[in-house]
Amino acid sequence: MQQQKTATPPGNPLAAAYQNLAALPKIFLDLVCNQLGWSEATFYRRMKTGKPCSKAEHNAIRAVYDRVLTMHSDNETSKNQTHEQPNN
């Protein structure tokens, strides 16, 4: 079952920020699975069991984490710059 996305009301920064942050876990999951060749089931199983990661897995997870936060931060910065009003 897929969740339906709701449109963010124009000019509502709270709703926009919430929707952007709410998307991050799925983005992180998809990128980690892609990077490590894991299925979604493996991702959740590894998360729940607390099985130690190899150094390579740890490095890949950390790189994805940093990438997701950087992508989100860069996206928010560019949005804010396009919505800023010039001071006259």
N, C-alpha and C. Protein backbone atom coordinates (compact mmCIF):
# COMPACT_ATOMS: atom_id res chain seq x y z
N MET A 1 0.84 -1.18 0.00
CA MET A 1 0.00 0.00 0.00
C MET A 1 0.88 1.24 0.00
N GLN A 2 0.70 2.11 -0.97
CA GLN A 2 1.49 3.33 -1.06
C GLN A 2 0.78 4.47 -0.37
N GLN A 3 1.61 5.32 0.28
CA GLN A 3 1.04 6.51 0.91
C GLN A 3 0.87 7.58 -0.15
N GLN A 4 -0.23 8.32 -0.04
CA GLN A 4 -0.45 9.42 -0.95
C GLN A 4 0.24 10.65 -0.42
N LYS A 5 0.92 11.37 -1.30
CA LYS A 5 1.55 12.62 -0.90
C LYS A 5 0.50 13.72 -0.95
N THR A 6 0.56 14.57 0.06
CA THR A 6 -0.34 15.70 0.07
C THR A 6 0.45 16.93 -0.34
N ALA A 7 -0.20 17.82 -1.03
CA ALA A 7 0.46 19.03 -1.49
C ALA A 7 0.69 19.96 -0.30
N THR A 8 1.85 20.59 -0.30
CA THR A 8 2.16 21.56 0.75
C THR A 8 1.47 22.86 0.40
N PRO A 9 0.72 23.41 1.35
CA PRO A 9 0.08 24.70 1.07
C PRO A 9 1.15 25.75 0.77
N PRO A 10 0.95 26.56 -0.26
CA PRO A 10 1.94 27.59 -0.60
C PRO A 10 2.17 28.53 0.58
N GLY A 11 3.42 28.85 0.82
CA GLY A 11 3.76 29.80 1.87
C GLY A 11 3.71 29.21 3.27
N ASN A 12 3.64 27.90 3.39
CA ASN A 12 3.59 27.27 4.71
C ASN A 12 4.92 26.56 4.99
N PRO A 13 5.87 27.27 5.58
CA PRO A 13 7.19 26.68 5.80
C PRO A 13 7.18 25.52 6.78
N LEU A 14 6.26 25.51 7.74
CA LEU A 14 6.18 24.41 8.69
C LEU A 14 5.81 23.11 7.97
N ALA A 15 4.78 23.16 7.13
CA ALA A 15 4.36 21.98 6.39
C ALA A 15 5.45 21.52 5.43
N ALA A 16 6.11 22.45 4.76
CA ALA A 16 7.18 22.09 3.82
C ALA A 16 8.33 21.43 4.55
N ALA A 17 8.75 21.98 5.68
CA ALA A 17 9.86 21.41 6.45
C ALA A 17 9.50 20.02 6.95
N TYR A 18 8.29 19.86 7.44
CA TYR A 18 7.85 18.56 7.95
C TYR A 18 7.85 17.51 6.85
N GLN A 19 7.31 17.86 5.70
CA GLN A 19 7.25 16.89 4.59
C GLN A 19 8.65 16.52 4.11
N ASN A 20 9.56 17.48 4.06
CA ASN A 20 10.93 17.19 3.64
C ASN A 20 11.61 16.26 4.64
N LEU A 21 11.44 16.51 5.92
CA LEU A 21 12.06 15.67 6.94
C LEU A 21 11.43 14.29 7.00
N ALA A 22 10.13 14.22 6.77
CA ALA A 22 9.43 12.94 6.83
C ALA A 22 9.89 12.00 5.71
N ALA A 23 10.40 12.54 4.63
CA ALA A 23 10.86 11.72 3.50
C ALA A 23 12.25 11.14 3.74
N LEU A 24 13.01 11.69 4.68
CA LEU A 24 14.40 11.28 4.86
C LEU A 24 14.59 9.81 5.24
N PRO A 25 13.79 9.22 6.13
CA PRO A 25 14.02 7.81 6.46
C PRO A 25 13.93 6.88 5.24
N LYS A 26 12.98 7.10 4.36
CA LYS A 26 12.83 6.27 3.16
C LYS A 26 14.00 6.49 2.21
N ILE A 27 14.43 7.72 2.07
CA ILE A 27 15.58 8.01 1.21
C ILE A 27 16.81 7.31 1.77
N PHE A 28 17.02 7.40 3.08
CA PHE A 28 18.15 6.76 3.72
C PHE A 28 18.10 5.25 3.52
N LEU A 29 16.94 4.65 3.77
CA LEU A 29 16.78 3.21 3.60
C LEU A 29 17.12 2.79 2.17
N ASP A 30 16.58 3.48 1.19
CA ASP A 30 16.81 3.12 -0.21
C ASP A 30 18.28 3.22 -0.58
N LEU A 31 18.94 4.28 -0.13
CA LEU A 31 20.35 4.46 -0.47
C LEU A 31 21.25 3.43 0.21
N VAL A 32 20.97 3.13 1.49
CA VAL A 32 21.76 2.11 2.19
C VAL A 32 21.59 0.75 1.50
N CYS A 33 20.36 0.38 1.20
CA CYS A 33 20.12 -0.90 0.54
C CYS A 33 20.82 -0.98 -0.81
N ASN A 34 20.77 0.11 -1.55
CA ASN A 34 21.43 0.15 -2.85
C ASN A 34 22.94 0.04 -2.69
N GLN A 35 23.49 0.78 -1.77
CA GLN A 35 24.94 0.81 -1.56
C GLN A 35 25.47 -0.54 -1.09
N LEU A 36 24.73 -1.21 -0.21
CA LEU A 36 25.22 -2.45 0.38
C LEU A 36 24.65 -3.71 -0.28
N GLY A 37 23.76 -3.52 -1.25
CA GLY A 37 23.15 -4.68 -1.91
C GLY A 37 22.20 -5.43 -1.01
N TRP A 38 21.57 -4.74 -0.08
CA TRP A 38 20.63 -5.34 0.86
C TRP A 38 19.21 -5.20 0.35
N SER A 39 18.35 -6.11 0.78
CA SER A 39 16.92 -5.94 0.57
C SER A 39 16.39 -5.09 1.73
N GLU A 40 15.17 -4.64 1.59
CA GLU A 40 14.56 -3.86 2.67
C GLU A 40 14.42 -4.72 3.93
N ALA A 41 14.12 -6.01 3.74
CA ALA A 41 14.00 -6.92 4.88
C ALA A 41 15.33 -7.05 5.62
N THR A 42 16.42 -7.13 4.88
CA THR A 42 17.75 -7.21 5.50
C THR A 42 18.05 -5.95 6.28
N PHE A 43 17.71 -4.80 5.71
CA PHE A 43 17.93 -3.52 6.39
C PHE A 43 17.25 -3.54 7.76
N TYR A 44 15.95 -3.89 7.79
CA TYR A 44 15.21 -3.87 9.05
C TYR A 44 15.68 -4.96 10.02
N ARG A 45 16.04 -6.12 9.47
CA ARG A 45 16.54 -7.19 10.33
C ARG A 45 17.86 -6.77 10.98
N ARG A 46 18.75 -6.17 10.21
CA ARG A 46 20.03 -5.73 10.76
C ARG A 46 19.83 -4.62 11.79
N MET A 47 18.85 -3.77 11.55
CA MET A 47 18.58 -2.68 12.48
C MET A 47 18.01 -3.22 13.80
N LYS A 48 17.11 -4.20 13.72
CA LYS A 48 16.46 -4.73 14.91
C LYS A 48 17.36 -5.62 15.74
N THR A 49 18.16 -6.45 15.08
CA THR A 49 18.97 -7.42 15.82
C THR A 49 20.21 -6.79 16.44
N GLY A 50 20.64 -5.67 15.91
CA GLY A 50 21.82 -5.02 16.45
C GLY A 50 23.10 -5.76 16.11
N LYS A 51 23.04 -6.62 15.08
CA LYS A 51 24.23 -7.35 14.65
C LYS A 51 25.30 -6.33 14.25
N PRO A 52 26.51 -6.50 14.78
CA PRO A 52 27.58 -5.54 14.44
C PRO A 52 27.84 -5.48 12.94
N CYS A 53 28.10 -4.29 12.47
CA CYS A 53 28.43 -4.09 11.06
C CYS A 53 29.93 -4.24 10.86
N SER A 54 30.27 -4.67 9.66
CA SER A 54 31.69 -4.69 9.32
C SER A 54 32.16 -3.24 9.17
N LYS A 55 33.45 -3.06 9.13
CA LYS A 55 33.99 -1.71 8.97
C LYS A 55 33.53 -1.11 7.64
N ALA A 56 33.49 -1.93 6.59
CA ALA A 56 33.04 -1.46 5.27
C ALA A 56 31.57 -1.05 5.32
N GLU A 57 30.73 -1.86 6.00
CA GLU A 57 29.32 -1.52 6.13
C GLU A 57 29.15 -0.23 6.94
N HIS A 58 29.89 -0.13 8.02
CA HIS A 58 29.83 1.06 8.86
C HIS A 58 30.20 2.30 8.04
N ASN A 59 31.26 2.21 7.26
CA ASN A 59 31.69 3.35 6.44
C ASN A 59 30.65 3.70 5.38
N ALA A 60 30.05 2.68 4.76
CA ALA A 60 29.02 2.93 3.75
C ALA A 60 27.79 3.58 4.37
N ILE A 61 27.36 3.09 5.53
CA ILE A 61 26.20 3.65 6.21
C ILE A 61 26.46 5.10 6.59
N ARG A 62 27.65 5.37 7.12
CA ARG A 62 28.01 6.73 7.51
C ARG A 62 28.03 7.66 6.30
N ALA A 63 28.57 7.17 5.18
CA ALA A 63 28.63 7.98 3.96
C ALA A 63 27.23 8.30 3.45
N VAL A 64 26.33 7.32 3.49
CA VAL A 64 24.94 7.55 3.07
C VAL A 64 24.27 8.54 4.01
N TYR A 65 24.48 8.38 5.30
CA TYR A 65 23.92 9.30 6.29
C TYR A 65 24.35 10.74 6.00
N ASP A 66 25.64 10.92 5.81
CA ASP A 66 26.16 12.26 5.51
C ASP A 66 25.59 12.79 4.19
N ARG A 67 25.48 11.90 3.20
CA ARG A 67 24.95 12.31 1.89
C ARG A 67 23.49 12.77 1.99
N VAL A 68 22.69 12.00 2.73
CA VAL A 68 21.27 12.35 2.87
C VAL A 68 21.12 13.69 3.57
N LEU A 69 21.87 13.90 4.64
CA LEU A 69 21.77 15.18 5.36
C LEU A 69 22.28 16.33 4.51
N THR A 70 23.34 16.10 3.75
CA THR A 70 23.88 17.15 2.88
C THR A 70 22.90 17.47 1.76
N MET A 71 22.32 16.41 1.16
CA MET A 71 21.32 16.64 0.10
C MET A 71 20.16 17.45 0.64
N HIS A 72 19.69 17.08 1.82
CA HIS A 72 18.55 17.78 2.42
C HIS A 72 18.91 19.22 2.73
N SER A 73 20.09 19.42 3.30
CA SER A 73 20.53 20.76 3.65
C SER A 73 20.70 21.63 2.41
N ASP A 74 21.31 21.08 1.36
CA ASP A 74 21.50 21.82 0.11
C ASP A 74 20.17 22.15 -0.53
N ASN A 75 19.23 21.21 -0.47
CA ASN A 75 17.89 21.41 -1.03
C ASN A 75 17.17 22.54 -0.29
N GLU A 76 17.24 22.53 1.02
CA GLU A 76 16.58 23.57 1.81
C GLU A 76 17.22 24.93 1.57
N THR A 77 18.55 24.97 1.45
CA THR A 77 19.24 26.23 1.21
C THR A 77 18.82 26.83 -0.13
N SER A 78 18.76 26.00 -1.17
CA SER A 78 18.37 26.51 -2.48
C SER A 78 16.91 26.96 -2.48
N LYS A 79 16.04 26.24 -1.76
CA LYS A 79 14.64 26.66 -1.67
C LYS A 79 14.53 28.01 -0.97
N ASN A 80 15.27 28.17 0.13
CA ASN A 80 15.21 29.42 0.88
C ASN A 80 15.72 30.58 0.05
N GLN A 81 16.74 30.36 -0.75
CA GLN A 81 17.29 31.43 -1.56
C GLN A 81 16.32 31.86 -2.65
N THR A 82 15.54 30.93 -3.20
CA THR A 82 14.60 31.28 -4.25
C THR A 82 13.35 31.95 -3.69
N HIS A 83 13.07 31.74 -2.39
CA HIS A 83 11.88 32.32 -1.78
C HIS A 83 12.16 33.61 -1.02
N GLU A 84 13.42 34.00 -0.91
CA GLU A 84 13.74 35.22 -0.18
C GLU A 84 13.31 36.44 -0.99
N GLN A 85 12.77 37.37 -0.29
CA GLN A 85 12.36 38.62 -0.91
C GLN A 85 13.48 39.63 -0.81
N PRO A 86 13.78 40.35 -1.88
CA PRO A 86 14.83 41.37 -1.79
C PRO A 86 14.41 42.50 -0.87
N ASN A 87 15.35 43.05 -0.12
CA ASN A 87 15.08 44.18 0.75
C ASN A 87 15.19 45.46 -0.05
N ASN A 88 14.12 46.21 -0.12
CA ASN A 88 14.14 47.48 -0.85
C ASN A 88 14.17 48.63 0.10
